[in-house]
Amino acid sequence: MKSRKNTGKFAGKGYYIALILCATAIGISGYMYYRNANTQDPQTDNPSLNVGVIDPTDDGIAAIATTPNGQTPTQNTETPIKTGWPVDGQTVSGYSMDALSYNATTRDWRTHNGIDIAAEAGTPVYAAADGQVYSVFEDDTMGVTVVIHHSGGYITTYSSLDSQLSVEPGDTVTLGQAIGTVGNTALIEHALGDHLHFSVSCNDAAMDPTQFFSLG
């Protein structure tokens, strides 16, 4: 009888131990599930770790930029400027901004921002490119002058003209259109006789006219 009672006690204790172990296992499983469910994926949470992650929306084809209405935008390409000589004649003084050249009128050495083209008085002077007449005036040293603005930041200046002109400020001119005639009104170049003083600038910087002619 004594041995049976001891066996019953041990059996009762084993039953409770089993219950405790089961409850513990269930608690640990629940804790691990809760932890995993609330832990963020480090690859998706940290952009610096997104190496090798494939975007399901990327089909490998580069997108084409479009305007809001769905049309492909066009590039703003400017048509190259066409140029031509402003007068038929002989160049008697060249462009010289990097070295001094002799001025027969002032009898000294100085820079020269354009070219001087000798021609008989009354010879037509033409616009060297399409553009718009910006100003017409009589300069104290360069005489009667016409300034024309062109596309691309180019400006052409025609000096030593006769006082009878064919254009005025605001006029639109085309390449080869007559704007006036050759004169000898530039006091600082009077020794050259009848001629056209022609100069060019691009974005407010002096430019060799021969380089301007090569554009067209």
N, C-alpha and C. Protein backbone atom coordinates (compact mmCIF):
# COMPACT_ATOMS: atom_id res chain seq x y z
N MET A 1 0.85 -1.20 0.00
CA MET A 1 0.00 0.00 0.00
C MET A 1 0.88 1.24 0.00
N LYS A 2 1.95 1.19 0.69
CA LYS A 2 2.84 2.35 0.76
C LYS A 2 3.46 2.68 -0.58
N SER A 3 3.85 1.68 -1.34
CA SER A 3 4.48 1.93 -2.65
C SER A 3 3.50 2.51 -3.64
N ARG A 4 2.23 2.11 -3.56
CA ARG A 4 1.22 2.64 -4.48
C ARG A 4 0.98 4.12 -4.22
N LYS A 5 0.98 4.51 -2.94
CA LYS A 5 0.77 5.93 -2.62
C LYS A 5 1.91 6.78 -3.15
N ASN A 6 3.16 6.30 -3.02
CA ASN A 6 4.30 7.06 -3.53
C ASN A 6 4.24 7.22 -5.05
N THR A 7 3.80 6.11 -5.69
CA THR A 7 3.69 6.17 -7.16
C THR A 7 2.65 7.19 -7.58
N GLY A 8 1.56 7.28 -6.89
CA GLY A 8 0.51 8.25 -7.22
C GLY A 8 0.98 9.68 -7.05
N LYS A 9 1.82 9.87 -5.97
CA LYS A 9 2.33 11.22 -5.78
C LYS A 9 3.23 11.65 -6.93
N PHE A 10 4.13 10.71 -7.34
CA PHE A 10 5.05 11.05 -8.45
C PHE A 10 4.31 11.26 -9.76
N ALA A 11 3.25 10.46 -9.94
CA ALA A 11 2.46 10.62 -11.18
C ALA A 11 1.77 11.96 -11.19
N GLY A 12 1.27 12.40 -10.03
CA GLY A 12 0.60 13.71 -9.96
C GLY A 12 1.56 14.85 -10.23
N LYS A 13 2.76 14.71 -9.67
CA LYS A 13 3.76 15.75 -9.91
C LYS A 13 4.17 15.80 -11.38
N GLY A 14 4.31 14.68 -12.01
CA GLY A 14 4.70 14.65 -13.44
C GLY A 14 3.67 15.32 -14.31
N TYR A 15 2.41 15.17 -13.94
CA TYR A 15 1.34 15.81 -14.73
C TYR A 15 1.47 17.32 -14.69
N TYR A 16 1.73 17.85 -13.48
CA TYR A 16 1.86 19.32 -13.37
C TYR A 16 3.12 19.83 -14.05
N ILE A 17 4.19 19.08 -13.94
CA ILE A 17 5.44 19.48 -14.63
C ILE A 17 5.23 19.56 -16.14
N ALA A 18 4.48 18.57 -16.67
CA ALA A 18 4.20 18.55 -18.12
C ALA A 18 3.39 19.78 -18.52
N LEU A 19 2.41 20.16 -17.66
CA LEU A 19 1.59 21.34 -17.95
C LEU A 19 2.44 22.62 -17.97
N ILE A 20 3.36 22.68 -16.98
CA ILE A 20 4.22 23.87 -16.91
C ILE A 20 5.11 23.97 -18.14
N LEU A 21 5.68 22.82 -18.55
CA LEU A 21 6.54 22.83 -19.74
C LEU A 21 5.78 23.21 -20.99
N CYS A 22 4.56 22.75 -21.13
CA CYS A 22 3.73 23.09 -22.30
C CYS A 22 3.42 24.59 -22.32
N ALA A 23 3.06 25.11 -21.13
CA ALA A 23 2.75 26.55 -21.06
C ALA A 23 3.97 27.40 -21.40
N THR A 24 5.13 26.92 -20.91
CA THR A 24 6.38 27.66 -21.20
C THR A 24 6.68 27.65 -22.69
N ALA A 25 6.50 26.47 -23.33
CA ALA A 25 6.77 26.37 -24.78
C ALA A 25 5.84 27.27 -25.57
N ILE A 26 4.54 27.31 -25.14
CA ILE A 26 3.58 28.16 -25.85
C ILE A 26 3.95 29.63 -25.69
N GLY A 27 4.40 30.00 -24.49
CA GLY A 27 4.78 31.41 -24.26
C GLY A 27 5.97 31.81 -25.10
N ILE A 28 6.97 30.91 -25.16
CA ILE A 28 8.17 31.23 -25.97
C ILE A 28 7.82 31.34 -27.44
N SER A 29 6.96 30.46 -27.93
CA SER A 29 6.56 30.51 -29.34
C SER A 29 5.82 31.81 -29.65
N GLY A 30 4.92 32.19 -28.73
CA GLY A 30 4.17 33.44 -28.94
C GLY A 30 5.08 34.64 -28.94
N TYR A 31 6.07 34.63 -28.04
CA TYR A 31 7.01 35.76 -27.98
C TYR A 31 7.83 35.87 -29.26
N MET A 32 8.32 34.75 -29.77
CA MET A 32 9.11 34.76 -31.00
C MET A 32 8.28 35.21 -32.19
N TYR A 33 7.03 34.79 -32.27
CA TYR A 33 6.14 35.21 -33.36
C TYR A 33 5.89 36.71 -33.31
N TYR A 34 5.62 37.19 -32.09
CA TYR A 34 5.36 38.64 -31.93
C TYR A 34 6.59 39.46 -32.29
N ARG A 35 7.77 38.97 -31.90
CA ARG A 35 9.03 39.68 -32.19
C ARG A 35 9.30 39.75 -33.69
N ASN A 36 9.12 38.60 -34.36
CA ASN A 36 9.36 38.57 -35.81
C ASN A 36 8.35 39.41 -36.57
N ALA A 37 7.11 39.45 -36.08
CA ALA A 37 6.07 40.21 -36.78
C ALA A 37 6.30 41.70 -36.68
N ASN A 38 7.00 42.15 -35.64
CA ASN A 38 7.20 43.60 -35.42
C ASN A 38 8.61 44.06 -35.74
N THR A 39 9.41 43.17 -36.29
CA THR A 39 10.78 43.54 -36.68
C THR A 39 10.80 43.89 -38.16
N GLN A 40 11.30 45.11 -38.50
CA GLN A 40 11.33 45.57 -39.89
C GLN A 40 12.49 44.92 -40.63
N ASP A 41 12.27 44.72 -41.90
CA ASP A 41 13.31 44.18 -42.76
C ASP A 41 14.40 45.22 -42.94
N PRO A 42 15.63 44.95 -42.49
CA PRO A 42 16.69 45.97 -42.60
C PRO A 42 16.98 46.38 -44.02
N GLN A 43 16.74 45.51 -45.02
CA GLN A 43 17.01 45.88 -46.41
C GLN A 43 16.04 46.93 -46.91
N THR A 44 14.77 46.82 -46.51
CA THR A 44 13.78 47.77 -46.99
C THR A 44 13.70 49.00 -46.13
N ASP A 45 14.19 48.91 -44.86
CA ASP A 45 14.13 50.06 -43.97
C ASP A 45 15.30 51.00 -44.17
N ASN A 46 16.46 50.45 -44.57
CA ASN A 46 17.66 51.25 -44.75
C ASN A 46 18.01 51.28 -46.23
N PRO A 47 17.87 52.46 -46.89
CA PRO A 47 18.14 52.54 -48.33
C PRO A 47 19.55 52.13 -48.69
N SER A 48 20.49 52.31 -47.75
CA SER A 48 21.88 51.98 -48.07
C SER A 48 22.10 50.49 -48.20
N LEU A 49 21.14 49.69 -47.76
CA LEU A 49 21.27 48.24 -47.85
C LEU A 49 20.49 47.65 -49.01
N ASN A 50 19.86 48.49 -49.81
CA ASN A 50 19.03 48.00 -50.91
C ASN A 50 19.87 47.56 -52.09
N VAL A 51 20.86 46.77 -51.89
CA VAL A 51 21.71 46.29 -52.96
C VAL A 51 21.12 45.02 -53.53
N GLY A 52 20.89 44.98 -54.82
CA GLY A 52 20.38 43.80 -55.47
C GLY A 52 18.88 43.64 -55.38
N VAL A 53 18.18 44.66 -54.82
CA VAL A 53 16.72 44.58 -54.74
C VAL A 53 16.14 44.95 -56.09
N ILE A 54 15.33 44.14 -56.67
CA ILE A 54 14.75 44.36 -58.00
C ILE A 54 13.42 45.07 -57.87
N ASP A 55 13.30 46.18 -58.59
CA ASP A 55 12.03 46.90 -58.62
C ASP A 55 11.08 46.17 -59.57
N PRO A 56 9.94 45.68 -59.09
CA PRO A 56 9.04 44.92 -59.97
C PRO A 56 8.44 45.76 -61.08
N THR A 57 8.54 47.11 -60.96
CA THR A 57 7.98 47.97 -62.01
C THR A 57 8.99 48.30 -63.09
N ASP A 58 10.26 47.89 -62.88
CA ASP A 58 11.32 48.19 -63.84
C ASP A 58 11.36 47.12 -64.91
N ASP A 59 11.02 47.51 -66.14
CA ASP A 59 11.02 46.53 -67.23
C ASP A 59 12.30 46.59 -68.06
N GLY A 60 13.29 47.40 -67.59
CA GLY A 60 14.57 47.45 -68.28
C GLY A 60 14.60 48.42 -69.43
N ILE A 61 13.53 49.18 -69.67
CA ILE A 61 13.47 50.13 -70.78
C ILE A 61 13.53 51.53 -70.22
N ALA A 62 14.47 52.33 -70.72
CA ALA A 62 14.60 53.70 -70.24
C ALA A 62 13.37 54.51 -70.59
N ALA A 63 12.92 55.31 -69.64
CA ALA A 63 11.73 56.13 -69.88
C ALA A 63 12.08 57.32 -70.75
N ILE A 64 11.15 57.75 -71.58
CA ILE A 64 11.33 58.91 -72.44
C ILE A 64 10.65 60.10 -71.78
N ALA A 65 11.44 61.19 -71.59
CA ALA A 65 10.88 62.38 -70.97
C ALA A 65 9.81 62.97 -71.89
N THR A 66 8.71 63.31 -71.30
CA THR A 66 7.62 63.89 -72.08
C THR A 66 7.11 65.14 -71.43
N THR A 67 6.48 65.96 -72.20
CA THR A 67 5.85 67.16 -71.70
C THR A 67 4.54 66.77 -71.05
N PRO A 68 3.92 67.68 -70.26
CA PRO A 68 2.68 67.33 -69.58
C PRO A 68 1.58 66.80 -70.49
N ASN A 69 1.57 67.19 -71.75
CA ASN A 69 0.53 66.71 -72.64
C ASN A 69 0.90 65.40 -73.33
N GLY A 70 2.03 64.83 -72.90
CA GLY A 70 2.41 63.52 -73.43
C GLY A 70 3.29 63.57 -74.65
N GLN A 71 3.64 64.77 -75.15
CA GLN A 71 4.47 64.88 -76.34
C GLN A 71 5.93 64.93 -75.93
N THR A 72 6.78 64.37 -76.77
CA THR A 72 8.21 64.40 -76.52
C THR A 72 8.73 65.80 -76.74
N PRO A 73 9.46 66.39 -75.75
CA PRO A 73 9.95 67.76 -75.92
C PRO A 73 10.98 67.85 -77.02
N THR A 74 11.01 68.96 -77.72
CA THR A 74 11.98 69.17 -78.78
C THR A 74 13.12 70.02 -78.25
N GLN A 75 14.33 69.75 -78.74
CA GLN A 75 15.49 70.52 -78.32
C GLN A 75 15.46 71.89 -78.99
N ASN A 76 15.92 72.90 -78.24
CA ASN A 76 15.96 74.25 -78.77
C ASN A 76 17.29 74.48 -79.46
N THR A 77 17.38 74.04 -80.70
CA THR A 77 18.62 74.17 -81.46
C THR A 77 18.53 75.40 -82.37
N GLU A 78 19.50 76.27 -82.24
CA GLU A 78 19.50 77.50 -83.01
C GLU A 78 20.18 77.28 -84.36
N THR A 79 19.57 77.78 -85.43
CA THR A 79 20.12 77.63 -86.76
C THR A 79 21.42 78.42 -86.88
N PRO A 80 22.50 77.81 -87.39
CA PRO A 80 23.78 78.52 -87.52
C PRO A 80 23.60 79.80 -88.34
N ILE A 81 24.28 80.86 -87.92
CA ILE A 81 24.16 82.16 -88.58
C ILE A 81 24.87 82.13 -89.93
N LYS A 82 24.27 82.75 -90.92
CA LYS A 82 24.88 82.88 -92.24
C LYS A 82 25.44 84.30 -92.38
N THR A 83 26.66 84.40 -92.89
CA THR A 83 27.34 85.69 -92.94
C THR A 83 27.89 85.98 -94.33
N GLY A 84 28.23 87.22 -94.55
CA GLY A 84 28.82 87.63 -95.82
C GLY A 84 29.57 88.94 -95.66
N TRP A 85 30.42 89.26 -96.62
CA TRP A 85 31.20 90.51 -96.55
C TRP A 85 30.27 91.71 -96.73
N PRO A 86 30.55 92.79 -96.01
CA PRO A 86 29.66 93.95 -96.05
C PRO A 86 29.88 94.88 -97.25
N VAL A 87 31.01 94.76 -97.92
CA VAL A 87 31.29 95.66 -99.04
C VAL A 87 32.34 95.01 -99.96
N ASP A 88 32.25 95.34 -101.23
CA ASP A 88 33.26 94.88 -102.19
C ASP A 88 34.42 95.87 -102.18
N GLY A 89 35.58 95.40 -101.78
CA GLY A 89 36.74 96.29 -101.71
C GLY A 89 37.96 95.55 -101.24
N GLN A 90 39.00 96.29 -100.89
CA GLN A 90 40.27 95.72 -100.48
C GLN A 90 40.53 96.05 -99.02
N THR A 91 40.91 95.01 -98.26
CA THR A 91 41.22 95.23 -96.85
C THR A 91 42.58 95.92 -96.73
N VAL A 92 42.57 97.10 -96.10
CA VAL A 92 43.81 97.88 -95.98
C VAL A 92 44.33 97.91 -94.55
N SER A 93 43.49 97.55 -93.59
CA SER A 93 43.92 97.45 -92.20
C SER A 93 43.22 96.25 -91.57
N GLY A 94 44.01 95.43 -90.88
CA GLY A 94 43.44 94.22 -90.30
C GLY A 94 43.08 94.36 -88.83
N TYR A 95 42.44 93.32 -88.33
CA TYR A 95 42.06 93.26 -86.91
C TYR A 95 43.32 93.07 -86.08
N SER A 96 43.46 93.86 -85.00
CA SER A 96 44.67 93.77 -84.18
C SER A 96 44.36 94.20 -82.75
N MET A 97 43.88 93.24 -81.96
CA MET A 97 43.60 93.53 -80.55
C MET A 97 44.66 92.94 -79.62
N ASP A 98 45.48 92.04 -80.15
CA ASP A 98 46.54 91.43 -79.34
C ASP A 98 47.90 92.11 -79.57
N ALA A 99 47.96 92.99 -80.55
CA ALA A 99 49.21 93.71 -80.84
C ALA A 99 48.85 95.09 -81.37
N LEU A 100 49.77 96.02 -81.25
CA LEU A 100 49.54 97.39 -81.70
C LEU A 100 49.78 97.50 -83.20
N SER A 101 48.96 98.30 -83.86
CA SER A 101 49.15 98.56 -85.30
C SER A 101 49.26 100.07 -85.50
N TYR A 102 49.93 100.44 -86.57
CA TYR A 102 50.20 101.87 -86.81
C TYR A 102 48.97 102.54 -87.43
N ASN A 103 48.59 103.70 -86.88
CA ASN A 103 47.49 104.49 -87.39
C ASN A 103 48.08 105.70 -88.12
N ALA A 104 47.90 105.73 -89.46
CA ALA A 104 48.50 106.80 -90.26
C ALA A 104 47.87 108.15 -89.97
N THR A 105 46.66 108.19 -89.49
CA THR A 105 45.99 109.46 -89.20
C THR A 105 46.52 110.06 -87.91
N THR A 106 46.59 109.29 -86.84
CA THR A 106 47.05 109.79 -85.54
C THR A 106 48.56 109.66 -85.39
N ARG A 107 49.20 108.93 -86.33
CA ARG A 107 50.64 108.72 -86.34
C ARG A 107 51.13 108.12 -85.01
N ASP A 108 50.40 107.10 -84.58
CA ASP A 108 50.83 106.38 -83.38
C ASP A 108 50.43 104.91 -83.52
N TRP A 109 50.81 104.14 -82.51
CA TRP A 109 50.50 102.71 -82.51
C TRP A 109 49.37 102.44 -81.51
N ARG A 110 48.38 101.68 -81.95
CA ARG A 110 47.23 101.39 -81.09
C ARG A 110 46.55 100.10 -81.55
N THR A 111 45.64 99.59 -80.72
CA THR A 111 44.88 98.41 -81.12
C THR A 111 43.83 98.80 -82.15
N HIS A 112 43.36 97.79 -82.89
CA HIS A 112 42.37 98.04 -83.95
C HIS A 112 41.31 96.95 -83.86
N ASN A 113 40.07 97.35 -83.51
CA ASN A 113 39.03 96.37 -83.20
C ASN A 113 38.24 95.85 -84.39
N GLY A 114 38.68 96.20 -85.60
CA GLY A 114 37.96 95.72 -86.78
C GLY A 114 38.87 95.67 -87.99
N ILE A 115 38.26 95.70 -89.17
CA ILE A 115 39.04 95.76 -90.40
C ILE A 115 38.57 96.98 -91.20
N ASP A 116 39.49 97.55 -91.98
CA ASP A 116 39.15 98.67 -92.85
C ASP A 116 39.17 98.20 -94.29
N ILE A 117 38.04 98.37 -94.98
CA ILE A 117 37.91 97.92 -96.36
C ILE A 117 37.78 99.15 -97.27
N ALA A 118 38.80 99.36 -98.10
CA ALA A 118 38.81 100.52 -98.99
C ALA A 118 37.88 100.28 -100.18
N ALA A 119 37.08 101.28 -100.53
CA ALA A 119 36.17 101.23 -101.68
C ALA A 119 35.80 102.65 -102.05
N GLU A 120 35.37 102.85 -103.28
CA GLU A 120 35.00 104.19 -103.73
C GLU A 120 33.79 104.70 -102.95
N ALA A 121 33.76 106.01 -102.75
CA ALA A 121 32.62 106.63 -102.07
C ALA A 121 31.34 106.30 -102.83
N GLY A 122 30.30 105.96 -102.11
CA GLY A 122 29.03 105.62 -102.74
C GLY A 122 28.84 104.13 -102.98
N THR A 123 29.90 103.32 -102.75
CA THR A 123 29.78 101.87 -102.92
C THR A 123 28.80 101.33 -101.85
N PRO A 124 27.84 100.50 -102.27
CA PRO A 124 26.86 99.99 -101.30
C PRO A 124 27.51 99.18 -100.18
N VAL A 125 26.98 99.37 -98.97
CA VAL A 125 27.40 98.59 -97.80
C VAL A 125 26.22 97.73 -97.39
N TYR A 126 26.49 96.45 -97.18
CA TYR A 126 25.42 95.48 -96.93
C TYR A 126 25.46 94.93 -95.50
N ALA A 127 24.29 94.50 -95.02
CA ALA A 127 24.23 93.81 -93.73
C ALA A 127 24.99 92.50 -93.85
N ALA A 128 25.87 92.22 -92.90
CA ALA A 128 26.71 91.03 -92.97
C ALA A 128 26.00 89.77 -92.51
N ALA A 129 24.77 89.91 -92.02
CA ALA A 129 23.96 88.76 -91.59
C ALA A 129 22.54 89.26 -91.31
N ASP A 130 21.61 88.34 -91.19
CA ASP A 130 20.25 88.70 -90.79
C ASP A 130 20.29 89.30 -89.38
N GLY A 131 19.46 90.31 -89.15
CA GLY A 131 19.44 90.89 -87.82
C GLY A 131 18.49 92.07 -87.72
N GLN A 132 18.69 92.85 -86.69
CA GLN A 132 17.86 94.03 -86.45
C GLN A 132 18.76 95.23 -86.15
N VAL A 133 18.46 96.35 -86.80
CA VAL A 133 19.23 97.57 -86.58
C VAL A 133 18.99 98.05 -85.15
N TYR A 134 20.08 98.16 -84.39
CA TYR A 134 19.98 98.57 -83.00
C TYR A 134 20.11 100.08 -82.84
N SER A 135 21.08 100.66 -83.54
CA SER A 135 21.28 102.11 -83.43
C SER A 135 21.92 102.67 -84.69
N VAL A 136 21.65 103.96 -84.92
CA VAL A 136 22.24 104.73 -86.03
C VAL A 136 22.67 106.06 -85.43
N PHE A 137 23.96 106.40 -85.58
CA PHE A 137 24.44 107.64 -84.95
C PHE A 137 25.73 108.10 -85.62
N GLU A 138 26.15 109.30 -85.29
CA GLU A 138 27.42 109.83 -85.79
C GLU A 138 28.39 109.92 -84.63
N ASP A 139 29.42 109.09 -84.66
CA ASP A 139 30.42 109.05 -83.60
C ASP A 139 31.47 110.13 -83.84
N ASP A 140 32.00 110.70 -82.74
CA ASP A 140 32.97 111.79 -82.86
C ASP A 140 34.25 111.36 -83.56
N THR A 141 34.63 110.09 -83.41
CA THR A 141 35.88 109.62 -84.02
C THR A 141 35.66 108.67 -85.19
N MET A 142 34.60 107.84 -85.12
CA MET A 142 34.38 106.83 -86.15
C MET A 142 33.35 107.25 -87.18
N GLY A 143 32.78 108.42 -87.07
CA GLY A 143 31.87 108.92 -88.08
C GLY A 143 30.49 108.28 -88.04
N VAL A 144 29.79 108.32 -89.19
CA VAL A 144 28.44 107.78 -89.29
C VAL A 144 28.50 106.26 -89.10
N THR A 145 27.69 105.77 -88.15
CA THR A 145 27.80 104.37 -87.73
C THR A 145 26.42 103.72 -87.63
N VAL A 146 26.36 102.45 -88.06
CA VAL A 146 25.16 101.63 -87.92
C VAL A 146 25.54 100.39 -87.13
N VAL A 147 24.73 100.05 -86.12
CA VAL A 147 24.96 98.86 -85.30
C VAL A 147 23.79 97.90 -85.49
N ILE A 148 24.11 96.64 -85.80
CA ILE A 148 23.08 95.62 -86.04
C ILE A 148 23.30 94.45 -85.09
N HIS A 149 22.22 94.01 -84.44
CA HIS A 149 22.26 92.83 -83.56
C HIS A 149 21.81 91.60 -84.34
N HIS A 150 22.51 90.49 -84.09
CA HIS A 150 22.21 89.23 -84.76
C HIS A 150 21.98 88.13 -83.73
N SER A 151 21.49 86.99 -84.18
CA SER A 151 21.29 85.85 -83.29
C SER A 151 22.64 85.34 -82.82
N GLY A 152 22.63 84.62 -81.68
CA GLY A 152 23.86 84.04 -81.16
C GLY A 152 24.73 85.02 -80.40
N GLY A 153 24.22 86.24 -80.12
CA GLY A 153 25.00 87.22 -79.38
C GLY A 153 25.96 88.03 -80.23
N TYR A 154 25.85 87.93 -81.56
CA TYR A 154 26.75 88.68 -82.45
C TYR A 154 26.23 90.09 -82.70
N ILE A 155 27.16 91.04 -82.79
CA ILE A 155 26.84 92.43 -83.11
C ILE A 155 27.83 92.90 -84.17
N THR A 156 27.33 93.47 -85.25
CA THR A 156 28.21 94.02 -86.28
C THR A 156 28.07 95.54 -86.29
N THR A 157 29.19 96.23 -86.49
CA THR A 157 29.22 97.70 -86.49
C THR A 157 29.86 98.19 -87.79
N TYR A 158 29.19 99.12 -88.44
CA TYR A 158 29.62 99.66 -89.74
C TYR A 158 29.87 101.16 -89.53
N SER A 159 31.14 101.57 -89.71
CA SER A 159 31.50 102.97 -89.45
C SER A 159 32.17 103.60 -90.68
N SER A 160 32.32 104.90 -90.61
CA SER A 160 32.86 105.72 -91.71
C SER A 160 31.93 105.72 -92.92
N LEU A 161 30.61 105.56 -92.66
CA LEU A 161 29.61 105.55 -93.72
C LEU A 161 29.29 106.97 -94.18
N ASP A 162 28.72 107.06 -95.37
CA ASP A 162 28.16 108.33 -95.83
C ASP A 162 26.91 108.63 -95.00
N SER A 163 26.56 109.87 -94.89
CA SER A 163 25.43 110.28 -94.04
C SER A 163 24.07 109.82 -94.58
N GLN A 164 24.01 109.48 -95.87
CA GLN A 164 22.76 109.01 -96.46
C GLN A 164 22.63 107.50 -96.22
N LEU A 165 21.71 107.14 -95.32
CA LEU A 165 21.55 105.73 -94.95
C LEU A 165 20.23 105.16 -95.44
N SER A 166 20.16 103.84 -95.48
CA SER A 166 18.96 103.16 -95.95
C SER A 166 18.15 102.52 -94.83
N VAL A 167 18.65 102.61 -93.60
CA VAL A 167 17.97 101.97 -92.47
C VAL A 167 17.90 102.92 -91.29
N GLU A 168 17.05 102.55 -90.33
CA GLU A 168 16.93 103.29 -89.09
C GLU A 168 16.72 102.31 -87.95
N PRO A 169 16.89 102.75 -86.70
CA PRO A 169 16.75 101.83 -85.56
C PRO A 169 15.42 101.09 -85.57
N GLY A 170 15.48 99.79 -85.31
CA GLY A 170 14.29 98.96 -85.26
C GLY A 170 14.03 98.20 -86.54
N ASP A 171 14.69 98.57 -87.63
CA ASP A 171 14.48 97.88 -88.90
C ASP A 171 15.05 96.46 -88.84
N THR A 172 14.32 95.53 -89.44
CA THR A 172 14.83 94.17 -89.60
C THR A 172 15.52 94.07 -90.95
N VAL A 173 16.73 93.54 -90.96
CA VAL A 173 17.51 93.45 -92.20
C VAL A 173 17.89 92.00 -92.46
N THR A 174 18.16 91.69 -93.70
CA THR A 174 18.59 90.36 -94.10
C THR A 174 20.00 90.42 -94.66
N LEU A 175 20.64 89.26 -94.68
CA LEU A 175 21.99 89.17 -95.22
C LEU A 175 22.04 89.73 -96.64
N GLY A 176 22.96 90.68 -96.89
CA GLY A 176 23.12 91.25 -98.22
C GLY A 176 22.23 92.44 -98.50
N GLN A 177 21.41 92.86 -97.53
CA GLN A 177 20.54 94.03 -97.74
C GLN A 177 21.35 95.31 -97.57
N ALA A 178 21.20 96.28 -98.48
CA ALA A 178 21.93 97.53 -98.42
C ALA A 178 21.48 98.34 -97.21
N ILE A 179 22.45 98.85 -96.45
CA ILE A 179 22.13 99.69 -95.29
C ILE A 179 22.66 101.11 -95.44
N GLY A 180 23.54 101.31 -96.41
CA GLY A 180 24.12 102.63 -96.64
C GLY A 180 25.21 102.53 -97.68
N THR A 181 26.10 103.53 -97.72
CA THR A 181 27.19 103.54 -98.70
C THR A 181 28.50 103.96 -98.03
N VAL A 182 29.59 103.65 -98.70
CA VAL A 182 30.93 103.99 -98.19
C VAL A 182 31.12 105.50 -98.17
N GLY A 183 31.77 105.97 -97.10
CA GLY A 183 32.12 107.38 -96.99
C GLY A 183 33.52 107.52 -96.42
N ASN A 184 33.82 108.67 -95.87
CA ASN A 184 35.10 108.89 -95.19
C ASN A 184 34.85 109.82 -94.01
N THR A 185 33.93 109.38 -93.15
CA THR A 185 33.51 110.22 -92.04
C THR A 185 34.21 109.90 -90.72
N ALA A 186 35.06 108.85 -90.69
CA ALA A 186 35.79 108.48 -89.47
C ALA A 186 37.02 109.37 -89.35
N LEU A 187 36.97 110.37 -88.47
CA LEU A 187 38.07 111.32 -88.33
C LEU A 187 39.37 110.65 -87.91
N ILE A 188 39.25 109.60 -87.10
CA ILE A 188 40.45 108.93 -86.59
C ILE A 188 41.10 108.05 -87.66
N GLU A 189 40.42 107.85 -88.80
CA GLU A 189 40.97 107.04 -89.90
C GLU A 189 40.90 107.82 -91.22
N HIS A 190 40.92 109.10 -91.13
CA HIS A 190 40.73 109.95 -92.32
C HIS A 190 41.82 109.72 -93.38
N ALA A 191 43.04 109.39 -92.94
CA ALA A 191 44.14 109.21 -93.88
C ALA A 191 43.93 108.02 -94.80
N LEU A 192 43.03 107.11 -94.47
CA LEU A 192 42.77 105.94 -95.31
C LEU A 192 41.93 106.29 -96.54
N GLY A 193 41.33 107.44 -96.55
CA GLY A 193 40.45 107.79 -97.67
C GLY A 193 39.09 107.10 -97.50
N ASP A 194 38.36 106.97 -98.61
CA ASP A 194 37.04 106.35 -98.56
C ASP A 194 37.18 104.87 -98.18
N HIS A 195 36.44 104.48 -97.16
CA HIS A 195 36.54 103.09 -96.70
C HIS A 195 35.41 102.79 -95.72
N LEU A 196 35.24 101.51 -95.41
CA LEU A 196 34.32 101.06 -94.37
C LEU A 196 35.12 100.47 -93.23
N HIS A 197 34.85 100.95 -92.03
CA HIS A 197 35.43 100.32 -90.83
C HIS A 197 34.38 99.34 -90.31
N PHE A 198 34.72 98.06 -90.32
CA PHE A 198 33.77 97.01 -89.94
C PHE A 198 34.31 96.25 -88.74
N SER A 199 33.48 96.15 -87.68
CA SER A 199 33.90 95.42 -86.48
C SER A 199 32.78 94.49 -86.01
N VAL A 200 33.18 93.47 -85.25
CA VAL A 200 32.23 92.44 -84.77
C VAL A 200 32.52 92.16 -83.30
N SER A 201 31.47 91.91 -82.55
CA SER A 201 31.62 91.41 -81.18
C SER A 201 30.68 90.24 -80.98
N CYS A 202 31.04 89.37 -80.05
CA CYS A 202 30.19 88.24 -79.70
C CYS A 202 30.09 88.17 -78.19
N ASN A 203 28.87 88.33 -77.69
CA ASN A 203 28.65 88.38 -76.24
C ASN A 203 29.54 89.45 -75.60
N ASP A 204 29.56 90.60 -76.25
CA ASP A 204 30.26 91.80 -75.76
C ASP A 204 31.78 91.69 -75.80
N ALA A 205 32.33 90.68 -76.46
CA ALA A 205 33.78 90.53 -76.59
C ALA A 205 34.17 90.75 -78.06
N ALA A 206 35.21 91.56 -78.29
CA ALA A 206 35.65 91.83 -79.65
C ALA A 206 36.03 90.54 -80.36
N MET A 207 35.73 90.48 -81.67
CA MET A 207 35.97 89.27 -82.45
C MET A 207 36.58 89.65 -83.79
N ASP A 208 37.50 88.84 -84.27
CA ASP A 208 38.11 89.07 -85.58
C ASP A 208 37.02 88.89 -86.66
N PRO A 209 36.74 89.92 -87.45
CA PRO A 209 35.70 89.81 -88.48
C PRO A 209 35.91 88.65 -89.44
N THR A 210 37.17 88.28 -89.71
CA THR A 210 37.39 87.17 -90.63
C THR A 210 36.87 85.86 -90.06
N GLN A 211 36.90 85.72 -88.73
CA GLN A 211 36.32 84.55 -88.10
C GLN A 211 34.80 84.58 -88.20
N PHE A 212 34.24 85.78 -88.12
CA PHE A 212 32.78 85.92 -88.28
C PHE A 212 32.35 85.52 -89.68
N PHE A 213 33.14 85.92 -90.69
CA PHE A 213 32.79 85.56 -92.08
C PHE A 213 32.84 84.05 -92.29
N SER A 214 33.73 83.37 -91.56
CA SER A 214 33.87 81.92 -91.73
C SER A 214 32.68 81.15 -91.20
N LEU A 215 31.81 81.80 -90.38
CA LEU A 215 30.64 81.13 -89.84
C LEU A 215 29.65 80.77 -90.93
N GLY A 216 29.59 81.60 -91.98
CA GLY A 216 28.58 81.39 -93.01
C GLY A 216 29.14 80.83 -94.28
